[in-house]
Amino acid sequence: MQKEQISVFDIFKIGIGPSSSHTLGPWRAAQQFVESLGGKGVLNVVEEIKILLYGSLAKTGKGHGTDIAILLGLSGDDPVTFEVDKVNSKTAGIRQSHRLALGGHKEITFNEEDDLLFLYNESLPYHPNAVTFQAFLNNGTAVSETYYSIGGGFVVKDGAVNQQKNWIDLPFPIENAANLLHWCMKTGLKISEVVMENEMAWRSEQETVTGVLNIFRVMKECIYRGCHTTGYLPGGLNVARRAAALNRRLIGCPGKYWQKKIKK
């Protein structure tokens, strides 16, 4: 059976958390549904949207911001580029106005209490993280699609085929640690060099380096933000933020000294 080939950019993804499967995945699913409506040529005749959350997405969705992620995904925002500081204001605007701009331009009436449903006692058989989007059109018909957030930000559309990346010949195929050790011993390359050779089967070395450095930049920014933000985590569970207090205890003087250390 053919196994999926995974790049470093499949493992490390930029996105708004806290969960790759409950936040990033549903966000991507919402984006894909809007793109699907556009591909079908019906986006501009949508009058109403309903979202059904099943299983784990329903039971832990509030705490993981699944509802917020879906609102932003339907609005055409991207988790890689959307500014974290604008999450609350954007979603508050949708909730207060009861208006949602699909894909950023097709505005419809949206009442979250009626249109985004948490089906706590219902699950779909393929995967516990399931969401169904229903778009009702002005001609009386509807478009319905179900997506599964299978972890790591990966999303599978129900009934879709050929969802894997195109199979390519990697110079150093690796399925386990023994394979990795074999290639390092046989070639004399370091682990990082073996990985880079494989990555270059998908893209240039410069593209890989630029992408990895961008991920590292975002990681540092997330660490800094967490170490300098107090209060409670979003999601309504009243979980106190701990990083800022630990930061003060460990380095004594947050801010200038911390920034100097993180740049090394």
C-alpha atoms as a PDB file:
ATOM      1  CA  MET A   1       0.000   0.000   0.000  1.00  0.00           C
ATOM      2  CA  GLN A   2       1.339   3.422  -0.964  1.00  0.00           C
ATOM      3  CA  LYS A   3       2.318   5.564   2.000  1.00  0.00           C
ATOM      4  CA  GLU A   4       2.024   9.341   2.114  1.00  0.00           C
ATOM      5  CA  GLN A   5       5.194  11.369   1.684  1.00  0.00           C
ATOM      6  CA  ILE A   6       5.535  14.124   4.246  1.00  0.00           C
ATOM      7  CA  SER A   7       7.568  17.304   3.909  1.00  0.00           C
ATOM      8  CA  VAL A   8       8.894  19.446   6.738  1.00  0.00           C
ATOM      9  CA  PHE A   9       6.129  21.914   5.831  1.00  0.00           C
ATOM     10  CA  ASP A  10       3.504  19.233   6.403  1.00  0.00           C
ATOM     11  CA  ILE A  11       4.858  18.747   9.923  1.00  0.00           C
ATOM     12  CA  PHE A  12       5.391  22.408  10.827  1.00  0.00           C
ATOM     13  CA  LYS A  13       2.527  24.728   9.924  1.00  0.00           C
ATOM     14  CA  ILE A  14       1.871  28.366  10.752  1.00  0.00           C
ATOM     15  CA  GLY A  15      -1.609  28.984  12.091  1.00  0.00           C
ATOM     16  CA  ILE A  16      -3.648  30.364  14.949  1.00  0.00           C
ATOM     17  CA  GLY A  17      -4.076  27.877  17.790  1.00  0.00           C
ATOM     18  CA  PRO A  18      -4.546  26.416  20.213  1.00  0.00           C
ATOM     19  CA  SER A  19      -5.118  23.169  18.308  1.00  0.00           C
ATOM     20  CA  SER A  20      -4.061  21.961  14.877  1.00  0.00           C
ATOM     21  CA  SER A  21      -7.006  19.560  14.708  1.00  0.00           C
ATOM     22  CA  HIS A  22      -9.680  21.697  16.399  1.00  0.00           C
ATOM     23  CA  THR A  23      -8.648  25.164  15.223  1.00  0.00           C
ATOM     24  CA  LEU A  24      -6.396  25.093  12.176  1.00  0.00           C
ATOM     25  CA  GLY A  25      -8.150  22.122  10.557  1.00  0.00           C
ATOM     26  CA  PRO A  26     -11.692  23.568  10.797  1.00  0.00           C
ATOM     27  CA  TRP A  27     -10.358  26.915   9.568  1.00  0.00           C
ATOM     28  CA  ARG A  28      -8.915  25.201   6.484  1.00  0.00           C
ATOM     29  CA  ALA A  29     -12.133  23.230   5.997  1.00  0.00           C
ATOM     30  CA  ALA A  30     -14.163  26.456   5.994  1.00  0.00           C
ATOM     31  CA  GLN A  31     -11.786  27.961   3.451  1.00  0.00           C
ATOM     32  CA  GLN A  32     -12.078  24.898   1.239  1.00  0.00           C
ATOM     33  CA  PHE A  33     -15.871  25.012   1.374  1.00  0.00           C
ATOM     34  CA  VAL A  34     -15.932  28.637   0.255  1.00  0.00           C
ATOM     35  CA  GLU A  35     -13.484  27.777  -2.536  1.00  0.00           C
ATOM     36  CA  SER A  36     -15.729  24.873  -3.514  1.00  0.00           C
ATOM     37  CA  LEU A  37     -18.747  27.171  -3.733  1.00  0.00           C
ATOM     38  CA  GLY A  38     -16.743  29.497  -5.938  1.00  0.00           C
ATOM     39  CA  GLY A  39     -15.624  26.613  -8.119  1.00  0.00           C
ATOM     40  CA  LYS A  40     -19.230  25.529  -8.559  1.00  0.00           C
ATOM     41  CA  GLY A  41     -20.181  29.085  -9.547  1.00  0.00           C
ATOM     42  CA  VAL A  42     -22.736  29.446  -6.736  1.00  0.00           C
ATOM     43  CA  LEU A  43     -20.924  31.578  -4.161  1.00  0.00           C
ATOM     44  CA  ASN A  44     -22.726  34.761  -5.192  1.00  0.00           C
ATOM     45  CA  VAL A  45     -26.187  33.185  -4.914  1.00  0.00           C
ATOM     46  CA  VAL A  46     -25.770  31.805  -1.380  1.00  0.00           C
ATOM     47  CA  GLU A  47     -28.440  33.128   0.969  1.00  0.00           C
ATOM     48  CA  GLU A  48     -27.755  31.146   4.118  1.00  0.00           C
ATOM     49  CA  ILE A  49     -25.028  29.013   5.673  1.00  0.00           C
ATOM     50  CA  LYS A  50     -25.317  26.376   8.381  1.00  0.00           C
ATOM     51  CA  ILE A  51     -22.412  24.611  10.065  1.00  0.00           C
ATOM     52  CA  LEU A  52     -22.801  21.311  11.910  1.00  0.00           C
ATOM     53  CA  LEU A  53     -20.030  20.253  14.294  1.00  0.00           C
ATOM     54  CA  TYR A  54     -19.863  16.576  15.259  1.00  0.00           C
ATOM     55  CA  GLY A  55     -18.047  14.450  17.810  1.00  0.00           C
ATOM     56  CA  SER A  56     -14.897  15.897  19.299  1.00  0.00           C
ATOM     57  CA  LEU A  57     -15.219  19.153  17.364  1.00  0.00           C
ATOM     58  CA  ALA A  58     -18.578  19.698  19.039  1.00  0.00           C
ATOM     59  CA  LYS A  59     -17.572  18.614  22.534  1.00  0.00           C
ATOM     60  CA  THR A  60     -14.344  20.604  22.817  1.00  0.00           C
ATOM     61  CA  GLY A  61     -14.898  23.158  20.070  1.00  0.00           C
ATOM     62  CA  LYS A  62     -15.671  26.131  22.305  1.00  0.00           C
ATOM     63  CA  GLY A  63     -12.512  25.721  24.356  1.00  0.00           C
ATOM     64  CA  HIS A  64     -10.376  25.262  21.255  1.00  0.00           C
ATOM     65  CA  GLY A  65     -11.859  28.146  19.284  1.00  0.00           C
ATOM     66  CA  THR A  66     -13.382  25.941  16.583  1.00  0.00           C
ATOM     67  CA  ASP A  67     -16.296  28.352  16.199  1.00  0.00           C
ATOM     68  CA  ILE A  68     -13.951  31.314  15.833  1.00  0.00           C
ATOM     69  CA  ALA A  69     -11.770  29.479  13.314  1.00  0.00           C
ATOM     70  CA  ILE A  70     -14.781  28.599  11.160  1.00  0.00           C
ATOM     71  CA  LEU A  71     -16.089  32.163  11.159  1.00  0.00           C
ATOM     72  CA  LEU A  72     -12.721  33.472  10.027  1.00  0.00           C
ATOM     73  CA  GLY A  73     -12.275  30.710   7.451  1.00  0.00           C
ATOM     74  CA  LEU A  74     -15.697  31.399   5.929  1.00  0.00           C
ATOM     75  CA  SER A  75     -14.807  35.096   5.862  1.00  0.00           C
ATOM     76  CA  GLY A  76     -11.872  34.400   3.587  1.00  0.00           C
ATOM     77  CA  ASP A  77      -9.156  35.047   6.159  1.00  0.00           C
ATOM     78  CA  ASP A  78      -6.042  32.880   6.119  1.00  0.00           C
ATOM     79  CA  PRO A  79      -4.542  31.442   9.345  1.00  0.00           C
ATOM     80  CA  VAL A  80      -0.994  32.017   8.115  1.00  0.00           C
ATOM     81  CA  THR A  81      -1.348  35.754   7.545  1.00  0.00           C
ATOM     82  CA  PHE A  82      -4.281  36.825   9.734  1.00  0.00           C
ATOM     83  CA  GLU A  83      -3.175  39.059  12.610  1.00  0.00           C
ATOM     84  CA  VAL A  84      -3.823  37.508  16.007  1.00  0.00           C
ATOM     85  CA  ASP A  85      -4.714  40.885  17.507  1.00  0.00           C
ATOM     86  CA  LYS A  86      -7.665  41.184  15.123  1.00  0.00           C
ATOM     87  CA  VAL A  87      -9.314  37.828  15.956  1.00  0.00           C
ATOM     88  CA  ASN A  88     -11.560  39.158  18.728  1.00  0.00           C
ATOM     89  CA  SER A  89     -12.651  42.309  16.901  1.00  0.00           C
ATOM     90  CA  LYS A  90     -13.381  40.458  13.650  1.00  0.00           C
ATOM     91  CA  THR A  91     -15.469  37.730  15.255  1.00  0.00           C
ATOM     92  CA  ALA A  92     -17.226  40.221  17.546  1.00  0.00           C
ATOM     93  CA  GLY A  93     -18.226  42.209  14.490  1.00  0.00           C
ATOM     94  CA  ILE A  94     -19.771  39.140  12.856  1.00  0.00           C
ATOM     95  CA  ARG A  95     -21.651  38.207  16.008  1.00  0.00           C
ATOM     96  CA  GLN A  96     -22.955  41.681  16.740  1.00  0.00           C
ATOM     97  CA  SER A  97     -23.993  42.559  13.192  1.00  0.00           C
ATOM     98  CA  HIS A  98     -25.338  39.088  12.365  1.00  0.00           C
ATOM     99  CA  ARG A  99     -23.641  39.491   8.995  1.00  0.00           C
ATOM    100  CA  LEU A 100     -20.962  37.293   7.436  1.00  0.00           C
ATOM    101  CA  ALA A 101     -19.024  38.060   4.254  1.00  0.00           C
ATOM    102  CA  LEU A 102     -18.377  34.714   2.552  1.00  0.00           C
ATOM    103  CA  GLY A 103     -14.928  34.737   1.013  1.00  0.00           C
ATOM    104  CA  GLY A 104     -14.642  38.352   2.082  1.00  0.00           C
ATOM    105  CA  HIS A 105     -17.256  39.745  -0.322  1.00  0.00           C
ATOM    106  CA  LYS A 106     -20.573  37.830  -0.493  1.00  0.00           C
ATOM    107  CA  GLU A 107     -22.465  39.138   2.533  1.00  0.00           C
ATOM    108  CA  ILE A 108     -25.216  37.024   4.090  1.00  0.00           C
ATOM    109  CA  THR A 109     -27.267  37.079   7.257  1.00  0.00           C
ATOM    110  CA  PHE A 110     -25.667  34.906   9.929  1.00  0.00           C
ATOM    111  CA  ASN A 111     -27.003  34.173  13.390  1.00  0.00           C
ATOM    112  CA  GLU A 112     -24.429  32.040  15.185  1.00  0.00           C
ATOM    113  CA  GLU A 113     -26.889  30.582  17.675  1.00  0.00           C
ATOM    114  CA  ASP A 114     -29.038  29.177  14.866  1.00  0.00           C
ATOM    115  CA  ASP A 115     -26.463  28.648  12.130  1.00  0.00           C
ATOM    116  CA  LEU A 116     -23.445  27.151  13.926  1.00  0.00           C
ATOM    117  CA  LEU A 117     -24.613  24.038  15.732  1.00  0.00           C
ATOM    118  CA  PHE A 118     -22.674  21.900  18.206  1.00  0.00           C
ATOM    119  CA  LEU A 119     -24.097  18.378  17.906  1.00  0.00           C
ATOM    120  CA  TYR A 120     -22.618  17.005  21.120  1.00  0.00           C
ATOM    121  CA  ASN A 121     -24.271  13.598  20.920  1.00  0.00           C
ATOM    122  CA  GLU A 122     -23.720  12.893  17.235  1.00  0.00           C
ATOM    123  CA  SER A 123     -20.629  11.523  15.493  1.00  0.00           C
ATOM    124  CA  LEU A 124     -19.744  10.539  11.951  1.00  0.00           C
ATOM    125  CA  PRO A 125     -18.094   7.166  11.343  1.00  0.00           C
ATOM    126  CA  TYR A 126     -14.965   8.212   9.419  1.00  0.00           C
ATOM    127  CA  HIS A 127     -13.358  10.427  12.076  1.00  0.00           C
ATOM    128  CA  PRO A 128     -14.399  12.082  15.389  1.00  0.00           C
ATOM    129  CA  ASN A 129     -13.436  15.571  14.124  1.00  0.00           C
ATOM    130  CA  ALA A 130     -16.169  16.203  11.571  1.00  0.00           C
ATOM    131  CA  VAL A 131     -17.862  19.346  10.273  1.00  0.00           C
ATOM    132  CA  THR A 132     -20.608  19.695   7.685  1.00  0.00           C
ATOM    133  CA  PHE A 133     -21.215  22.936   5.814  1.00  0.00           C
ATOM    134  CA  GLN A 134     -24.588  23.606   4.204  1.00  0.00           C
ATOM    135  CA  ALA A 135     -25.108  26.473   1.774  1.00  0.00           C
ATOM    136  CA  PHE A 136     -28.690  27.341   0.818  1.00  0.00           C
ATOM    137  CA  LEU A 137     -29.015  29.066  -2.548  1.00  0.00           C
ATOM    138  CA  ASN A 138     -31.528  31.615  -3.833  1.00  0.00           C
ATOM    139  CA  ASN A 139     -33.008  29.062  -6.268  1.00  0.00           C
ATOM    140  CA  GLY A 140     -34.144  26.783  -3.445  1.00  0.00           C
ATOM    141  CA  THR A 141     -31.324  24.241  -3.789  1.00  0.00           C
ATOM    142  CA  ALA A 142     -28.465  23.582  -1.380  1.00  0.00           C
ATOM    143  CA  VAL A 143     -24.827  22.520  -1.405  1.00  0.00           C
ATOM    144  CA  SER A 144     -23.598  20.330   1.446  1.00  0.00           C
ATOM    145  CA  GLU A 145     -20.046  19.138   2.092  1.00  0.00           C
ATOM    146  CA  THR A 146     -18.460  17.326   5.031  1.00  0.00           C
ATOM    147  CA  TYR A 147     -14.835  17.640   6.092  1.00  0.00           C
ATOM    148  CA  TYR A 148     -12.726  15.762   8.616  1.00  0.00           C
ATOM    149  CA  SER A 149      -9.909  17.413  10.536  1.00  0.00           C
ATOM    150  CA  ILE A 150      -7.574  14.456  10.946  1.00  0.00           C
ATOM    151  CA  GLY A 151      -4.788  16.150  12.903  1.00  0.00           C
ATOM    152  CA  GLY A 152      -1.793  18.351  12.220  1.00  0.00           C
ATOM    153  CA  GLY A 153      -3.918  20.787  10.230  1.00  0.00           C
ATOM    154  CA  PHE A 154      -4.674  18.131   7.599  1.00  0.00           C
ATOM    155  CA  VAL A 155      -8.235  18.118   6.239  1.00  0.00           C
ATOM    156  CA  VAL A 156      -9.996  15.373   4.291  1.00  0.00           C
ATOM    157  CA  LYS A 157     -13.164  16.064   2.319  1.00  0.00           C
ATOM    158  CA  ASP A 158     -15.776  13.344   2.526  1.00  0.00           C
ATOM    159  CA  GLY A 159     -16.021  11.453  -0.753  1.00  0.00           C
ATOM    160  CA  ALA A 160     -13.058  13.170  -2.374  1.00  0.00           C
ATOM    161  CA  VAL A 161     -10.433  11.128  -4.191  1.00  0.00           C
ATOM    162  CA  ASN A 162      -6.749  11.702  -4.959  1.00  0.00           C
ATOM    163  CA  GLN A 163      -6.200  13.919  -1.945  1.00  0.00           C
ATOM    164  CA  GLN A 164      -2.582  12.870  -1.475  1.00  0.00           C
ATOM    165  CA  LYS A 165       0.312  14.828  -2.963  1.00  0.00           C
ATOM    166  CA  ASN A 166       1.761  13.512  -6.190  1.00  0.00           C
ATOM    167  CA  TRP A 167       4.151  10.653  -5.496  1.00  0.00           C
ATOM    168  CA  ILE A 168       7.755  11.555  -6.283  1.00  0.00           C
ATOM    169  CA  ASP A 169      11.058   9.727  -6.090  1.00  0.00           C
ATOM    170  CA  LEU A 170      12.827  10.926  -2.960  1.00  0.00           C
ATOM    171  CA  PRO A 171      16.611  10.460  -2.982  1.00  0.00           C
ATOM    172  CA  PHE A 172      16.476   9.083   0.567  1.00  0.00           C
ATOM    173  CA  PRO A 173      13.100   7.419   1.288  1.00  0.00           C
ATOM    174  CA  ILE A 174      12.556   7.164   5.043  1.00  0.00           C
ATOM    175  CA  GLU A 175       9.793   5.350   6.911  1.00  0.00           C
ATOM    176  CA  ASN A 176      11.455   4.908  10.306  1.00  0.00           C
ATOM    177  CA  ALA A 177      14.520   5.801  12.362  1.00  0.00           C
ATOM    178  CA  ALA A 178      16.415   2.785  11.070  1.00  0.00           C
ATOM    179  CA  ASN A 179      16.059   4.089   7.506  1.00  0.00           C
ATOM    180  CA  LEU A 180      17.365   7.483   8.569  1.00  0.00           C
ATOM    181  CA  LEU A 181      20.355   5.921  10.335  1.00  0.00           C
ATOM    182  CA  HIS A 182      21.050   3.789   7.265  1.00  0.00           C
ATOM    183  CA  TRP A 183      21.248   6.793   4.934  1.00  0.00           C
ATOM    184  CA  CYS A 184      23.407   8.798   7.328  1.00  0.00           C
ATOM    185  CA  MET A 185      25.890   5.933   7.681  1.00  0.00           C
ATOM    186  CA  LYS A 186      25.894   5.117   3.969  1.00  0.00           C
ATOM    187  CA  THR A 187      26.358   8.688   2.719  1.00  0.00           C
ATOM    188  CA  GLY A 188      28.156  10.364   5.616  1.00  0.00           C
ATOM    189  CA  LEU A 189      25.528  13.094   5.569  1.00  0.00           C
ATOM    190  CA  LYS A 190      24.086  14.638   8.710  1.00  0.00           C
ATOM    191  CA  ILE A 191      20.375  14.238   9.448  1.00  0.00           C
ATOM    192  CA  SER A 192      19.726  17.827   8.415  1.00  0.00           C
ATOM    193  CA  GLU A 193      21.518  17.240   5.113  1.00  0.00           C
ATOM    194  CA  VAL A 194      19.521  14.090   4.363  1.00  0.00           C
ATOM    195  CA  VAL A 195      16.303  15.985   5.092  1.00  0.00           C
ATOM    196  CA  MET A 196      17.355  18.886   2.856  1.00  0.00           C
ATOM    197  CA  GLU A 197      18.103  16.539  -0.035  1.00  0.00           C
ATOM    198  CA  ASN A 198      14.593  15.114   0.254  1.00  0.00           C
ATOM    199  CA  GLU A 199      13.023  18.578   0.531  1.00  0.00           C
ATOM    200  CA  MET A 200      14.772  19.605  -2.680  1.00  0.00           C
ATOM    201  CA  ALA A 201      12.701  16.994  -4.505  1.00  0.00           C
ATOM    202  CA  TRP A 202       9.731  19.330  -3.926  1.00  0.00           C
ATOM    203  CA  ARG A 203      11.314  22.784  -4.141  1.00  0.00           C
ATOM    204  CA  SER A 204      14.615  24.651  -4.314  1.00  0.00           C
ATOM    205  CA  GLU A 205      16.997  24.774  -1.359  1.00  0.00           C
ATOM    206  CA  GLN A 206      16.464  28.523  -1.036  1.00  0.00           C
ATOM    207  CA  GLU A 207      12.695  28.123  -0.881  1.00  0.00           C
ATOM    208  CA  THR A 208      13.066  25.535   1.866  1.00  0.00           C
ATOM    209  CA  VAL A 209      15.511  27.675   3.861  1.00  0.00           C
ATOM    210  CA  THR A 210      13.277  30.750   3.529  1.00  0.00           C
ATOM    211  CA  GLY A 211      10.214  28.789   4.623  1.00  0.00           C
ATOM    212  CA  VAL A 212      11.922  27.207   7.629  1.00  0.00           C
ATOM    213  CA  LEU A 213      13.347  30.560   8.779  1.00  0.00           C
ATOM    214  CA  ASN A 214       9.878  32.074   8.509  1.00  0.00           C
ATOM    215  CA  ILE A 215       8.477  29.309  10.721  1.00  0.00           C
ATOM    216  CA  PHE A 216      11.295  29.927  13.215  1.00  0.00           C
ATOM    217  CA  ARG A 217      10.480  33.654  13.216  1.00  0.00           C
ATOM    218  CA  VAL A 218       6.826  32.937  13.995  1.00  0.00           C
ATOM    219  CA  MET A 219       7.854  30.532  16.778  1.00  0.00           C
ATOM    220  CA  LYS A 220       9.976  33.231  18.417  1.00  0.00           C
ATOM    221  CA  GLU A 221       7.169  35.769  18.134  1.00  0.00           C
ATOM    222  CA  CYS A 222       4.722  33.294  19.729  1.00  0.00           C
ATOM    223  CA  ILE A 223       7.139  32.628  22.582  1.00  0.00           C
ATOM    224  CA  TYR A 224       7.639  36.338  23.193  1.00  0.00           C
ATOM    225  CA  ARG A 225       3.920  37.028  23.060  1.00  0.00           C
ATOM    226  CA  GLY A 226       3.173  34.233  25.522  1.00  0.00           C
ATOM    227  CA  CYS A 227       5.880  35.365  27.924  1.00  0.00           C
ATOM    228  CA  HIS A 228       4.533  38.918  27.993  1.00  0.00           C
ATOM    229  CA  THR A 229       0.768  38.345  28.069  1.00  0.00           C
ATOM    230  CA  THR A 230      -1.144  37.894  31.315  1.00  0.00           C
ATOM    231  CA  GLY A 231      -4.755  37.013  32.113  1.00  0.00           C
ATOM    232  CA  TYR A 232      -6.661  33.983  30.862  1.00  0.00           C
ATOM    233  CA  LEU A 233      -6.472  31.900  27.714  1.00  0.00           C
ATOM    234  CA  PRO A 234      -9.339  32.434  25.233  1.00  0.00           C
ATOM    235  CA  GLY A 235     -12.023  29.791  24.968  1.00  0.00           C
ATOM    236  CA  GLY A 236     -14.128  30.412  28.050  1.00  0.00           C
ATOM    237  CA  LEU A 237     -12.495  27.742  30.238  1.00  0.00           C
ATOM    238  CA  ASN A 238     -10.825  30.349  32.474  1.00  0.00           C
ATOM    239  CA  VAL A 239      -7.396  28.753  32.181  1.00  0.00           C
ATOM    240  CA  ALA A 240      -4.829  31.179  33.601  1.00  0.00           C
ATOM    241  CA  ARG A 241      -1.829  32.079  31.460  1.00  0.00           C
ATOM    242  CA  ARG A 242       1.361  30.905  33.185  1.00  0.00           C
ATOM    243  CA  ALA A 243       4.203  31.787  30.817  1.00  0.00           C
ATOM    244  CA  ALA A 244       4.483  35.456  31.827  1.00  0.00           C
ATOM    245  CA  ALA A 245       4.837  34.656  35.529  1.00  0.00           C
ATOM    246  CA  LEU A 246       7.383  31.907  34.809  1.00  0.00           C
ATOM    247  CA  ASN A 247       9.267  34.297  32.548  1.00  0.00           C
ATOM    248  CA  ARG A 248       9.538  36.893  35.320  1.00  0.00           C
ATOM    249  CA  ARG A 249      10.690  34.296  37.812  1.00  0.00           C
ATOM    250  CA  LEU A 250      13.325  32.800  35.519  1.00  0.00           C
ATOM    251  CA  ILE A 251      14.964  35.920  34.136  1.00  0.00           C
ATOM    252  CA  GLY A 252      13.910  38.518  36.682  1.00  0.00           C
ATOM    253  CA  CYS A 253      13.639  41.325  34.166  1.00  0.00           C
ATOM    254  CA  PRO A 254      11.256  40.692  31.266  1.00  0.00           C
ATOM    255  CA  GLY A 255      11.588  42.710  28.115  1.00  0.00           C
ATOM    256  CA  LYS A 256      14.995  43.961  27.055  1.00  0.00           C
ATOM    257  CA  TYR A 257      17.084  41.084  28.427  1.00  0.00           C
ATOM    258  CA  TRP A 258      14.639  38.461  27.125  1.00  0.00           C
ATOM    259  CA  GLN A 259      14.642  39.955  23.644  1.00  0.00           C
ATOM    260  CA  LYS A 260      18.443  39.974  23.553  1.00  0.00           C
ATOM    261  CA  LYS A 261      18.541  36.295  24.474  1.00  0.00           C
ATOM    262  CA  ILE A 262      15.953  35.187  21.914  1.00  0.00           C
ATOM    263  CA  LYS A 263      17.804  36.819  19.002  1.00  0.00           C
ATOM    264  CA  LYS A 264      20.883  34.656  19.411  1.00  0.00           C
END
